[in-house]
Amino acid sequence: MRNVIRIGVLSQPELPKQLEPMIEAIFREQFRKLLSIVGPKNLALVSSVECKVRELACISAVEEGLTLELEPFETPREGSEEEAEIMAKIHAILEKQPSTTELEERIPEMALAKFCDIMFLVFDKSAPDQSSRLEELNRLFFANKAKDTRLEKLIIDVNCPKRWSADADGEVYFDYVTRASGQLGVSSEVEIPNQLIKEWKDTVSATPH
């Protein structure tokens, strides 16, 4: 049995600059909530900084007191050279933080879905090109539970418009997606289910530090 609950982030590359504060606020709010449940020694974010959403997650995690398991930096294929240089500098700062552990290899998207216990999915749900990808990520993420003794899993499903508009900030919201043990379907909740919180607490309290 282990005592680290790992969090992953998968997102679309697009994030309107005007929505960055709202997405960062969601990360910080959720990290604080999770920290209050299991404590900083038991919570780690697994991420890189090569897109704005994941960069915000990394910075928020370090500043809120989580462990950061930082993937190696790779220059993004898209974007300007200046943006890549800024990302590289942020990565260099994050890797020097006391709470950061550097990973030797990057984790592919589907492997990350298998590896983590909690997953932020930050996508524009109204975009038709995302629906099949999100369905596959949900299926893969929850399918693992039946095959091993890992914790029951949780998705923090964040809707984020790809493009800015006058009402885009009103379209940023999130809910919790989980699956009760033994069920094939998923359910959407406005709060983290108490059963899941109890499982997390029981797991970390049963593991020697």
N, C-alpha and C. Protein backbone atom coordinates (compact mmCIF):
# COMPACT_ATOMS: atom_id res chain seq x y z
N MET A 1 0.84 -1.20 0.00
CA MET A 1 0.00 0.00 0.00
C MET A 1 0.87 1.25 0.00
N ARG A 2 0.45 2.25 -0.75
CA ARG A 2 1.22 3.46 -0.82
C ARG A 2 0.47 4.60 -0.15
N ASN A 3 1.15 5.71 0.07
CA ASN A 3 0.48 6.82 0.73
C ASN A 3 0.41 8.07 -0.12
N VAL A 4 0.78 7.98 -1.40
CA VAL A 4 0.75 9.16 -2.26
C VAL A 4 -0.42 9.05 -3.24
N ILE A 5 -1.29 10.04 -3.20
CA ILE A 5 -2.38 10.15 -4.15
C ILE A 5 -1.92 11.08 -5.26
N ARG A 6 -1.90 10.58 -6.49
CA ARG A 6 -1.35 11.36 -7.59
C ARG A 6 -2.45 12.01 -8.43
N ILE A 7 -2.15 13.24 -8.85
CA ILE A 7 -3.08 14.05 -9.64
C ILE A 7 -2.46 14.30 -11.01
N GLY A 8 -3.24 14.15 -12.04
CA GLY A 8 -2.79 14.47 -13.39
C GLY A 8 -3.65 15.57 -13.99
N VAL A 9 -3.15 16.19 -15.04
CA VAL A 9 -3.88 17.23 -15.76
C VAL A 9 -3.77 16.96 -17.26
N LEU A 10 -4.91 16.86 -17.92
CA LEU A 10 -4.95 16.78 -19.38
C LEU A 10 -5.84 17.90 -19.87
N SER A 11 -5.41 18.57 -20.94
CA SER A 11 -6.18 19.72 -21.39
C SER A 11 -6.01 19.96 -22.88
N GLN A 12 -6.89 20.78 -23.39
CA GLN A 12 -6.73 21.32 -24.74
C GLN A 12 -5.60 22.33 -24.71
N PRO A 13 -4.93 22.57 -25.83
CA PRO A 13 -3.84 23.55 -25.82
C PRO A 13 -4.32 24.99 -25.71
N GLU A 14 -5.56 25.26 -26.15
CA GLU A 14 -6.06 26.63 -26.16
C GLU A 14 -6.56 27.05 -24.78
N LEU A 15 -6.12 28.23 -24.35
CA LEU A 15 -6.65 28.84 -23.13
C LEU A 15 -6.64 30.36 -23.31
N PRO A 16 -7.81 30.96 -23.51
CA PRO A 16 -7.85 32.42 -23.64
C PRO A 16 -7.22 33.10 -22.44
N LYS A 17 -6.39 34.08 -22.69
CA LYS A 17 -5.66 34.74 -21.61
C LYS A 17 -6.61 35.30 -20.55
N GLN A 18 -7.78 35.77 -20.98
CA GLN A 18 -8.73 36.35 -20.03
C GLN A 18 -9.27 35.31 -19.05
N LEU A 19 -9.18 34.02 -19.40
CA LEU A 19 -9.71 32.96 -18.54
C LEU A 19 -8.64 32.34 -17.64
N GLU A 20 -7.38 32.73 -17.82
CA GLU A 20 -6.31 32.16 -17.01
C GLU A 20 -6.56 32.31 -15.51
N PRO A 21 -6.98 33.50 -15.01
CA PRO A 21 -7.20 33.62 -13.56
C PRO A 21 -8.28 32.67 -13.04
N MET A 22 -9.31 32.40 -13.84
CA MET A 22 -10.38 31.51 -13.40
C MET A 22 -9.90 30.06 -13.32
N ILE A 23 -9.12 29.63 -14.31
CA ILE A 23 -8.60 28.27 -14.30
C ILE A 23 -7.61 28.10 -13.14
N GLU A 24 -6.75 29.10 -12.93
CA GLU A 24 -5.82 29.03 -11.80
C GLU A 24 -6.58 28.97 -10.48
N ALA A 25 -7.66 29.75 -10.36
CA ALA A 25 -8.44 29.74 -9.12
C ALA A 25 -9.06 28.37 -8.86
N ILE A 26 -9.49 27.69 -9.93
CA ILE A 26 -10.04 26.33 -9.76
C ILE A 26 -8.97 25.39 -9.25
N PHE A 27 -7.77 25.44 -9.85
CA PHE A 27 -6.68 24.59 -9.38
C PHE A 27 -6.40 24.84 -7.90
N ARG A 28 -6.25 26.10 -7.53
CA ARG A 28 -5.90 26.42 -6.14
C ARG A 28 -6.99 25.97 -5.18
N GLU A 29 -8.24 26.23 -5.54
CA GLU A 29 -9.36 25.82 -4.68
C GLU A 29 -9.38 24.31 -4.48
N GLN A 30 -9.21 23.57 -5.57
CA GLN A 30 -9.27 22.11 -5.47
C GLN A 30 -8.04 21.54 -4.75
N PHE A 31 -6.87 22.10 -4.99
CA PHE A 31 -5.68 21.65 -4.27
C PHE A 31 -5.84 21.86 -2.76
N ARG A 32 -6.38 23.02 -2.37
CA ARG A 32 -6.59 23.27 -0.94
C ARG A 32 -7.58 22.28 -0.34
N LYS A 33 -8.64 21.99 -1.10
CA LYS A 33 -9.64 21.04 -0.61
C LYS A 33 -9.01 19.66 -0.43
N LEU A 34 -8.23 19.23 -1.42
CA LEU A 34 -7.60 17.91 -1.33
C LEU A 34 -6.56 17.85 -0.21
N LEU A 35 -5.82 18.94 -0.05
CA LEU A 35 -4.84 19.00 1.05
C LEU A 35 -5.53 18.89 2.40
N SER A 36 -6.69 19.49 2.54
CA SER A 36 -7.41 19.43 3.82
C SER A 36 -7.90 18.02 4.12
N ILE A 37 -8.03 17.20 3.07
CA ILE A 37 -8.50 15.82 3.26
C ILE A 37 -7.36 14.88 3.60
N VAL A 38 -6.24 14.94 2.86
CA VAL A 38 -5.19 13.94 3.02
C VAL A 38 -3.84 14.49 3.47
N GLY A 39 -3.65 15.81 3.44
CA GLY A 39 -2.38 16.39 3.89
C GLY A 39 -1.35 16.47 2.79
N PRO A 40 -0.39 17.39 2.92
CA PRO A 40 0.59 17.66 1.85
C PRO A 40 1.54 16.50 1.56
N LYS A 41 1.83 15.67 2.54
CA LYS A 41 2.77 14.57 2.32
C LYS A 41 2.16 13.46 1.46
N ASN A 42 0.86 13.52 1.29
CA ASN A 42 0.16 12.43 0.61
C ASN A 42 -0.40 12.81 -0.75
N LEU A 43 -0.01 13.98 -1.26
CA LEU A 43 -0.61 14.49 -2.47
C LEU A 43 0.47 14.99 -3.43
N ALA A 44 0.44 14.51 -4.67
CA ALA A 44 1.45 14.92 -5.66
C ALA A 44 0.79 15.19 -7.00
N LEU A 45 1.23 16.28 -7.64
CA LEU A 45 0.82 16.58 -9.00
C LEU A 45 1.88 16.07 -9.96
N VAL A 46 1.45 15.31 -10.97
CA VAL A 46 2.36 14.82 -12.00
C VAL A 46 2.08 15.64 -13.26
N SER A 47 3.06 16.44 -13.69
CA SER A 47 2.76 17.34 -14.81
C SER A 47 4.03 17.88 -15.44
N SER A 48 3.80 18.60 -16.54
CA SER A 48 4.85 19.35 -17.23
C SER A 48 4.32 20.77 -17.41
N VAL A 49 5.12 21.63 -18.06
CA VAL A 49 4.70 23.02 -18.22
C VAL A 49 4.47 23.40 -19.68
N GLU A 50 4.39 22.41 -20.56
CA GLU A 50 4.38 22.73 -21.99
C GLU A 50 3.04 23.18 -22.56
N CYS A 51 2.06 23.41 -21.74
CA CYS A 51 0.87 24.13 -22.18
C CYS A 51 0.43 25.00 -21.00
N LYS A 52 -0.32 26.05 -21.28
CA LYS A 52 -0.63 27.04 -20.25
C LYS A 52 -1.43 26.46 -19.11
N VAL A 53 -2.36 25.58 -19.40
CA VAL A 53 -3.18 24.99 -18.34
C VAL A 53 -2.31 24.20 -17.37
N ARG A 54 -1.42 23.38 -17.90
CA ARG A 54 -0.58 22.55 -17.03
C ARG A 54 0.46 23.40 -16.30
N GLU A 55 0.92 24.45 -16.96
CA GLU A 55 1.83 25.39 -16.29
C GLU A 55 1.15 26.01 -15.07
N LEU A 56 -0.09 26.45 -15.22
CA LEU A 56 -0.84 27.03 -14.09
C LEU A 56 -1.03 26.00 -12.98
N ALA A 57 -1.26 24.76 -13.37
CA ALA A 57 -1.42 23.70 -12.37
C ALA A 57 -0.13 23.50 -11.57
N CYS A 58 1.01 23.47 -12.28
CA CYS A 58 2.30 23.27 -11.61
C CYS A 58 2.60 24.40 -10.63
N ILE A 59 2.43 25.63 -11.07
CA ILE A 59 2.72 26.77 -10.20
C ILE A 59 1.79 26.77 -9.00
N SER A 60 0.51 26.51 -9.23
CA SER A 60 -0.46 26.48 -8.14
C SER A 60 -0.14 25.38 -7.14
N ALA A 61 0.25 24.21 -7.65
CA ALA A 61 0.56 23.08 -6.78
C ALA A 61 1.73 23.40 -5.85
N VAL A 62 2.80 23.95 -6.41
CA VAL A 62 3.97 24.27 -5.60
C VAL A 62 3.63 25.34 -4.56
N GLU A 63 2.91 26.37 -4.97
CA GLU A 63 2.59 27.46 -4.06
C GLU A 63 1.58 27.04 -2.99
N GLU A 64 0.76 26.04 -3.28
CA GLU A 64 -0.21 25.58 -2.29
C GLU A 64 0.34 24.47 -1.39
N GLY A 65 1.54 23.96 -1.69
CA GLY A 65 2.17 23.01 -0.79
C GLY A 65 2.14 21.56 -1.20
N LEU A 66 1.76 21.27 -2.45
CA LEU A 66 1.79 19.89 -2.93
C LEU A 66 3.20 19.52 -3.36
N THR A 67 3.43 18.22 -3.44
CA THR A 67 4.63 17.73 -4.11
C THR A 67 4.39 17.82 -5.62
N LEU A 68 5.42 18.23 -6.36
CA LEU A 68 5.33 18.28 -7.82
C LEU A 68 6.27 17.25 -8.41
N GLU A 69 5.72 16.31 -9.15
CA GLU A 69 6.53 15.34 -9.89
C GLU A 69 6.60 15.88 -11.32
N LEU A 70 7.72 16.53 -11.65
CA LEU A 70 7.85 17.33 -12.86
C LEU A 70 8.46 16.52 -14.00
N GLU A 71 7.75 16.47 -15.11
CA GLU A 71 8.25 15.77 -16.28
C GLU A 71 9.36 16.58 -16.95
N PRO A 72 10.27 15.91 -17.67
CA PRO A 72 11.34 16.64 -18.37
C PRO A 72 10.74 17.63 -19.37
N PHE A 73 11.47 18.72 -19.58
CA PHE A 73 10.98 19.76 -20.49
C PHE A 73 11.24 19.37 -21.94
N GLU A 74 10.24 19.62 -22.77
CA GLU A 74 10.39 19.46 -24.22
C GLU A 74 9.85 20.72 -24.88
N THR A 75 10.58 21.26 -25.83
CA THR A 75 10.13 22.46 -26.53
C THR A 75 8.86 22.14 -27.31
N PRO A 76 7.79 22.90 -27.09
CA PRO A 76 6.54 22.64 -27.80
C PRO A 76 6.69 22.78 -29.31
N ARG A 77 5.95 21.96 -30.05
CA ARG A 77 6.00 22.02 -31.51
C ARG A 77 5.30 23.26 -32.04
N GLU A 78 4.30 23.73 -31.29
CA GLU A 78 3.55 24.90 -31.72
C GLU A 78 3.88 26.07 -30.80
N GLY A 79 3.61 27.29 -31.28
CA GLY A 79 3.90 28.47 -30.48
C GLY A 79 5.20 29.12 -30.90
N SER A 80 5.43 30.31 -30.37
CA SER A 80 6.61 31.07 -30.75
C SER A 80 7.84 30.66 -29.95
N GLU A 81 8.99 31.06 -30.44
CA GLU A 81 10.24 30.79 -29.74
C GLU A 81 10.27 31.50 -28.40
N GLU A 82 9.70 32.69 -28.35
CA GLU A 82 9.64 33.45 -27.09
C GLU A 82 8.81 32.72 -26.04
N GLU A 83 7.67 32.16 -26.46
CA GLU A 83 6.83 31.40 -25.53
C GLU A 83 7.56 30.18 -25.00
N ALA A 84 8.30 29.50 -25.88
CA ALA A 84 9.06 28.32 -25.47
C ALA A 84 10.14 28.70 -24.46
N GLU A 85 10.79 29.83 -24.66
CA GLU A 85 11.82 30.28 -23.72
C GLU A 85 11.23 30.59 -22.35
N ILE A 86 10.04 31.19 -22.34
CA ILE A 86 9.37 31.48 -21.06
C ILE A 86 9.03 30.18 -20.34
N MET A 87 8.50 29.21 -21.08
CA MET A 87 8.18 27.91 -20.48
C MET A 87 9.43 27.24 -19.90
N ALA A 88 10.54 27.32 -20.64
CA ALA A 88 11.78 26.71 -20.17
C ALA A 88 12.25 27.37 -18.87
N LYS A 89 12.09 28.68 -18.77
CA LYS A 89 12.48 29.38 -17.55
C LYS A 89 11.60 28.99 -16.38
N ILE A 90 10.30 28.86 -16.62
CA ILE A 90 9.38 28.44 -15.56
C ILE A 90 9.71 27.03 -15.11
N HIS A 91 10.00 26.15 -16.08
CA HIS A 91 10.39 24.78 -15.73
C HIS A 91 11.65 24.78 -14.86
N ALA A 92 12.62 25.61 -15.22
CA ALA A 92 13.88 25.67 -14.46
C ALA A 92 13.64 26.14 -13.03
N ILE A 93 12.73 27.09 -12.86
CA ILE A 93 12.40 27.57 -11.51
C ILE A 93 11.70 26.49 -10.71
N LEU A 94 10.74 25.82 -11.33
CA LEU A 94 9.98 24.78 -10.63
C LEU A 94 10.85 23.61 -10.22
N GLU A 95 11.81 23.21 -11.07
CA GLU A 95 12.61 22.04 -10.75
C GLU A 95 13.56 22.28 -9.59
N LYS A 96 13.79 23.55 -9.24
CA LYS A 96 14.67 23.89 -8.12
C LYS A 96 13.91 23.99 -6.80
N GLN A 97 12.58 23.86 -6.83
CA GLN A 97 11.81 23.99 -5.60
C GLN A 97 11.98 22.75 -4.72
N PRO A 98 12.03 22.95 -3.39
CA PRO A 98 12.24 21.81 -2.48
C PRO A 98 11.18 20.72 -2.61
N SER A 99 9.96 21.10 -3.02
CA SER A 99 8.88 20.12 -3.11
C SER A 99 8.80 19.42 -4.46
N THR A 100 9.77 19.72 -5.35
CA THR A 100 9.73 19.14 -6.70
C THR A 100 10.63 17.92 -6.81
N THR A 101 10.08 16.88 -7.43
CA THR A 101 10.85 15.69 -7.81
C THR A 101 10.89 15.64 -9.33
N GLU A 102 12.06 15.50 -9.89
CA GLU A 102 12.19 15.44 -11.35
C GLU A 102 12.04 14.00 -11.83
N LEU A 103 11.13 13.81 -12.78
CA LEU A 103 10.94 12.50 -13.38
C LEU A 103 11.95 12.30 -14.51
N GLU A 104 12.35 11.07 -14.74
CA GLU A 104 13.34 10.78 -15.78
C GLU A 104 12.74 10.79 -17.17
N GLU A 105 11.46 10.46 -17.28
CA GLU A 105 10.82 10.38 -18.59
C GLU A 105 9.46 11.05 -18.54
N ARG A 106 9.02 11.47 -19.71
CA ARG A 106 7.67 12.02 -19.83
C ARG A 106 6.65 10.88 -19.83
N ILE A 107 5.45 11.16 -19.40
CA ILE A 107 4.39 10.15 -19.32
C ILE A 107 3.36 10.44 -20.41
N PRO A 108 3.17 9.53 -21.35
CA PRO A 108 2.17 9.74 -22.41
C PRO A 108 0.77 9.93 -21.82
N GLU A 109 -0.09 10.57 -22.59
CA GLU A 109 -1.42 10.93 -22.12
C GLU A 109 -2.20 9.73 -21.59
N MET A 110 -2.27 8.67 -22.34
CA MET A 110 -3.06 7.51 -21.92
C MET A 110 -2.43 6.82 -20.71
N ALA A 111 -1.11 6.82 -20.65
CA ALA A 111 -0.43 6.23 -19.49
C ALA A 111 -0.71 7.06 -18.23
N LEU A 112 -0.78 8.39 -18.40
CA LEU A 112 -1.06 9.26 -17.26
C LEU A 112 -2.45 8.97 -16.70
N ALA A 113 -3.41 8.71 -17.59
CA ALA A 113 -4.76 8.38 -17.16
C ALA A 113 -4.79 7.09 -16.34
N LYS A 114 -3.90 6.16 -16.67
CA LYS A 114 -3.83 4.91 -15.90
C LYS A 114 -3.09 5.11 -14.57
N PHE A 115 -2.14 6.02 -14.58
CA PHE A 115 -1.19 6.19 -13.47
C PHE A 115 -1.78 6.98 -12.30
N CYS A 116 -2.65 7.95 -12.60
CA CYS A 116 -3.11 8.88 -11.57
C CYS A 116 -4.43 8.45 -10.93
N ASP A 117 -4.66 8.96 -9.73
CA ASP A 117 -5.88 8.66 -8.97
C ASP A 117 -6.93 9.75 -9.16
N ILE A 118 -6.47 10.97 -9.41
CA ILE A 118 -7.34 12.12 -9.63
C ILE A 118 -6.89 12.78 -10.93
N MET A 119 -7.85 13.14 -11.77
CA MET A 119 -7.49 13.72 -13.06
C MET A 119 -8.32 14.98 -13.32
N PHE A 120 -7.61 16.09 -13.58
CA PHE A 120 -8.28 17.28 -14.11
C PHE A 120 -8.37 17.13 -15.62
N LEU A 121 -9.56 17.26 -16.16
CA LEU A 121 -9.75 17.31 -17.61
C LEU A 121 -10.27 18.70 -17.94
N VAL A 122 -9.45 19.49 -18.64
CA VAL A 122 -9.80 20.89 -18.92
C VAL A 122 -10.02 21.02 -20.43
N PHE A 123 -11.28 20.99 -20.83
CA PHE A 123 -11.63 20.99 -22.24
C PHE A 123 -12.90 21.81 -22.47
N ASP A 124 -13.07 22.22 -23.71
CA ASP A 124 -14.31 22.86 -24.14
C ASP A 124 -15.29 21.75 -24.50
N LYS A 125 -16.29 21.52 -23.66
CA LYS A 125 -17.21 20.41 -23.88
C LYS A 125 -18.10 20.62 -25.10
N SER A 126 -18.20 21.87 -25.55
CA SER A 126 -19.05 22.14 -26.72
C SER A 126 -18.33 21.87 -28.03
N ALA A 127 -17.03 21.61 -27.97
CA ALA A 127 -16.25 21.38 -29.20
C ALA A 127 -16.47 19.94 -29.67
N PRO A 128 -17.03 19.74 -30.86
CA PRO A 128 -17.33 18.39 -31.34
C PRO A 128 -16.09 17.51 -31.48
N ASP A 129 -14.93 18.12 -31.73
CA ASP A 129 -13.73 17.31 -31.95
C ASP A 129 -13.17 16.73 -30.65
N GLN A 130 -13.73 17.14 -29.51
CA GLN A 130 -13.21 16.65 -28.23
C GLN A 130 -14.02 15.49 -27.66
N SER A 131 -15.23 15.27 -28.15
CA SER A 131 -16.14 14.33 -27.50
C SER A 131 -15.58 12.90 -27.47
N SER A 132 -15.06 12.41 -28.61
CA SER A 132 -14.56 11.03 -28.62
C SER A 132 -13.32 10.88 -27.75
N ARG A 133 -12.47 11.92 -27.76
CA ARG A 133 -11.27 11.89 -26.92
C ARG A 133 -11.63 11.84 -25.44
N LEU A 134 -12.61 12.65 -25.03
CA LEU A 134 -13.03 12.68 -23.63
C LEU A 134 -13.68 11.36 -23.22
N GLU A 135 -14.47 10.79 -24.11
CA GLU A 135 -15.09 9.49 -23.82
C GLU A 135 -14.02 8.43 -23.60
N GLU A 136 -12.99 8.43 -24.44
CA GLU A 136 -11.92 7.44 -24.32
C GLU A 136 -11.13 7.65 -23.03
N LEU A 137 -10.86 8.91 -22.68
CA LEU A 137 -10.14 9.19 -21.44
C LEU A 137 -10.95 8.75 -20.22
N ASN A 138 -12.23 9.01 -20.22
CA ASN A 138 -13.09 8.57 -19.12
C ASN A 138 -13.10 7.05 -19.01
N ARG A 139 -13.25 6.39 -20.15
CA ARG A 139 -13.29 4.92 -20.15
C ARG A 139 -11.99 4.34 -19.61
N LEU A 140 -10.88 4.84 -20.12
CA LEU A 140 -9.57 4.34 -19.71
C LEU A 140 -9.30 4.62 -18.24
N PHE A 141 -9.64 5.82 -17.81
CA PHE A 141 -9.37 6.24 -16.44
C PHE A 141 -10.10 5.36 -15.43
N PHE A 142 -11.36 5.09 -15.67
CA PHE A 142 -12.15 4.32 -14.72
C PHE A 142 -12.02 2.81 -14.93
N ALA A 143 -11.56 2.37 -16.08
CA ALA A 143 -11.45 0.93 -16.35
C ALA A 143 -10.43 0.26 -15.46
N ASN A 144 -9.41 0.99 -15.04
CA ASN A 144 -8.33 0.38 -14.27
C ASN A 144 -8.77 -0.17 -12.92
N LYS A 145 -9.78 0.43 -12.33
CA LYS A 145 -10.17 0.05 -10.98
C LYS A 145 -10.48 -1.43 -10.85
N ALA A 146 -11.08 -1.99 -11.89
CA ALA A 146 -11.47 -3.39 -11.82
C ALA A 146 -10.28 -4.34 -11.88
N LYS A 147 -9.12 -3.83 -12.30
CA LYS A 147 -7.98 -4.70 -12.55
C LYS A 147 -6.96 -4.73 -11.41
N ASP A 148 -7.09 -3.81 -10.47
CA ASP A 148 -6.09 -3.79 -9.40
C ASP A 148 -6.69 -3.25 -8.12
N THR A 149 -5.85 -2.98 -7.15
CA THR A 149 -6.34 -2.56 -5.83
C THR A 149 -6.10 -1.07 -5.59
N ARG A 150 -5.93 -0.32 -6.66
CA ARG A 150 -5.72 1.10 -6.50
C ARG A 150 -6.98 1.77 -5.97
N LEU A 151 -6.81 3.01 -5.52
CA LEU A 151 -7.93 3.77 -5.00
C LEU A 151 -9.00 3.99 -6.06
N GLU A 152 -10.23 4.14 -5.59
CA GLU A 152 -11.28 4.59 -6.49
C GLU A 152 -10.91 5.96 -7.04
N LYS A 153 -11.27 6.23 -8.27
CA LYS A 153 -10.74 7.41 -8.95
C LYS A 153 -11.74 8.55 -9.03
N LEU A 154 -11.20 9.74 -9.32
CA LEU A 154 -12.01 10.94 -9.41
C LEU A 154 -11.54 11.81 -10.57
N ILE A 155 -12.47 12.27 -11.39
CA ILE A 155 -12.19 13.27 -12.41
C ILE A 155 -12.75 14.61 -11.95
N ILE A 156 -11.94 15.65 -12.05
CA ILE A 156 -12.44 17.01 -11.85
C ILE A 156 -12.57 17.57 -13.25
N ASP A 157 -13.80 17.61 -13.73
CA ASP A 157 -14.12 17.88 -15.12
C ASP A 157 -14.38 19.38 -15.30
N VAL A 158 -13.43 20.07 -15.93
CA VAL A 158 -13.50 21.53 -16.06
C VAL A 158 -13.88 21.90 -17.48
N ASN A 159 -14.94 22.66 -17.62
CA ASN A 159 -15.30 23.19 -18.94
C ASN A 159 -14.61 24.53 -19.16
N CYS A 160 -13.88 24.65 -20.26
CA CYS A 160 -13.14 25.88 -20.56
C CYS A 160 -13.26 26.19 -22.05
N PRO A 161 -13.93 27.28 -22.41
CA PRO A 161 -14.04 27.64 -23.83
C PRO A 161 -12.67 27.79 -24.48
N LYS A 162 -12.59 27.39 -25.74
CA LYS A 162 -11.34 27.53 -26.48
C LYS A 162 -11.07 28.98 -26.86
N ARG A 163 -12.14 29.74 -27.05
CA ARG A 163 -11.99 31.11 -27.52
C ARG A 163 -12.72 32.08 -26.60
N TRP A 164 -12.18 33.28 -26.52
CA TRP A 164 -12.76 34.31 -25.66
C TRP A 164 -13.99 34.92 -26.33
N SER A 165 -15.01 35.16 -25.53
CA SER A 165 -16.19 35.90 -25.97
C SER A 165 -16.73 36.65 -24.76
N ALA A 166 -17.71 37.49 -24.98
CA ALA A 166 -18.23 38.32 -23.89
C ALA A 166 -18.79 37.49 -22.74
N ASP A 167 -19.30 36.29 -23.03
CA ASP A 167 -19.88 35.46 -21.97
C ASP A 167 -19.04 34.22 -21.66
N ALA A 168 -17.78 34.19 -22.12
CA ALA A 168 -16.93 33.00 -21.93
C ALA A 168 -16.68 32.71 -20.46
N ASP A 169 -16.50 33.77 -19.64
CA ASP A 169 -16.20 33.51 -18.22
C ASP A 169 -17.37 32.81 -17.53
N GLY A 170 -18.59 33.01 -18.03
CA GLY A 170 -19.74 32.32 -17.46
C GLY A 170 -19.82 30.87 -17.87
N GLU A 171 -18.99 30.47 -18.82
CA GLU A 171 -18.99 29.09 -19.29
C GLU A 171 -17.89 28.25 -18.64
N VAL A 172 -17.12 28.86 -17.74
CA VAL A 172 -16.09 28.11 -17.00
C VAL A 172 -16.73 27.53 -15.75
N TYR A 173 -16.75 26.22 -15.65
CA TYR A 173 -17.31 25.56 -14.48
C TYR A 173 -16.69 24.17 -14.37
N PHE A 174 -16.92 23.52 -13.25
CA PHE A 174 -16.40 22.15 -13.10
C PHE A 174 -17.38 21.32 -12.29
N ASP A 175 -17.26 20.02 -12.44
CA ASP A 175 -17.97 19.11 -11.54
C ASP A 175 -17.09 17.88 -11.32
N TYR A 176 -17.49 17.07 -10.36
CA TYR A 176 -16.74 15.88 -10.00
C TYR A 176 -17.39 14.67 -10.68
N VAL A 177 -16.58 13.88 -11.34
CA VAL A 177 -17.08 12.68 -12.01
C VAL A 177 -16.43 11.47 -11.34
N THR A 178 -17.24 10.55 -10.90
CA THR A 178 -16.70 9.38 -10.21
C THR A 178 -17.54 8.16 -10.58
N ARG A 179 -17.13 7.03 -10.07
CA ARG A 179 -17.87 5.81 -10.30
C ARG A 179 -17.84 4.99 -9.03
N ALA A 180 -19.00 4.63 -8.53
CA ALA A 180 -19.05 3.78 -7.35
C ALA A 180 -18.48 2.41 -7.69
N SER A 181 -17.83 1.80 -6.72
CA SER A 181 -17.17 0.52 -6.95
C SER A 181 -18.17 -0.51 -7.50
N GLY A 182 -17.76 -1.19 -8.57
CA GLY A 182 -18.59 -2.23 -9.14
C GLY A 182 -19.56 -1.76 -10.19
N GLN A 183 -19.67 -0.45 -10.40
CA GLN A 183 -20.60 0.06 -11.41
C GLN A 183 -19.86 0.42 -12.68
N LEU A 184 -20.55 0.27 -13.80
CA LEU A 184 -19.94 0.60 -15.09
C LEU A 184 -20.14 2.07 -15.44
N GLY A 185 -21.24 2.66 -14.99
CA GLY A 185 -21.53 4.04 -15.32
C GLY A 185 -20.78 5.01 -14.43
N VAL A 186 -20.79 6.27 -14.84
CA VAL A 186 -20.17 7.32 -14.03
C VAL A 186 -21.26 8.28 -13.59
N SER A 187 -20.97 9.01 -12.53
CA SER A 187 -21.93 9.98 -12.03
C SER A 187 -21.25 11.33 -11.84
N SER A 188 -22.00 12.39 -12.04
CA SER A 188 -21.50 13.75 -11.88
C SER A 188 -22.02 14.31 -10.57
N GLU A 189 -21.11 14.86 -9.76
CA GLU A 189 -21.46 15.34 -8.43
C GLU A 189 -21.01 16.79 -8.26
N VAL A 190 -21.67 17.49 -7.35
CA VAL A 190 -21.26 18.86 -7.05
C VAL A 190 -20.26 18.91 -5.90
N GLU A 191 -20.13 17.80 -5.17
CA GLU A 191 -19.13 17.69 -4.11
C GLU A 191 -18.41 16.35 -4.25
N ILE A 192 -17.21 16.27 -3.70
CA ILE A 192 -16.50 14.98 -3.69
C ILE A 192 -17.28 14.02 -2.81
N PRO A 193 -17.63 12.85 -3.31
CA PRO A 193 -18.44 11.91 -2.52
C PRO A 193 -17.75 11.53 -1.20
N ASN A 194 -18.54 11.45 -0.13
CA ASN A 194 -17.99 11.12 1.19
C ASN A 194 -17.32 9.76 1.21
N GLN A 195 -17.85 8.82 0.44
CA GLN A 195 -17.26 7.48 0.40
C GLN A 195 -15.83 7.53 -0.13
N LEU A 196 -15.61 8.38 -1.13
CA LEU A 196 -14.27 8.52 -1.70
C LEU A 196 -13.33 9.20 -0.72
N ILE A 197 -13.81 10.23 -0.05
CA ILE A 197 -13.00 10.92 0.97
C ILE A 197 -12.57 9.95 2.06
N LYS A 198 -13.52 9.12 2.51
CA LYS A 198 -13.21 8.14 3.56
C LYS A 198 -12.16 7.15 3.08
N GLU A 199 -12.26 6.72 1.83
CA GLU A 199 -11.28 5.77 1.28
C GLU A 199 -9.89 6.39 1.26
N TRP A 200 -9.80 7.65 0.81
CA TRP A 200 -8.51 8.34 0.80
C TRP A 200 -7.92 8.43 2.20
N LYS A 201 -8.74 8.87 3.16
CA LYS A 201 -8.25 9.03 4.54
C LYS A 201 -7.81 7.70 5.13
N ASP A 202 -8.60 6.66 4.89
CA ASP A 202 -8.25 5.34 5.43
C ASP A 202 -6.93 4.85 4.82
N THR A 203 -6.73 5.11 3.54
CA THR A 203 -5.52 4.65 2.86
C THR A 203 -4.28 5.34 3.39
N VAL A 204 -4.31 6.66 3.48
CA VAL A 204 -3.11 7.37 3.91
C VAL A 204 -2.85 7.18 5.40
N SER A 205 -3.89 7.01 6.20
CA SER A 205 -3.66 6.82 7.64
C SER A 205 -3.15 5.42 7.95
N ALA A 206 -3.41 4.48 7.04
CA ALA A 206 -2.95 3.09 7.25
C ALA A 206 -1.52 2.87 6.78
N THR A 207 -0.96 3.86 6.11
CA THR A 207 0.38 3.73 5.55
C THR A 207 1.40 4.44 6.41
N PRO A 208 2.43 3.74 6.88
CA PRO A 208 3.48 4.41 7.70
C PRO A 208 4.17 5.49 6.91
N HIS A 209 4.48 6.63 7.55
CA HIS A 209 5.20 7.72 6.91
C HIS A 209 6.67 7.62 7.24
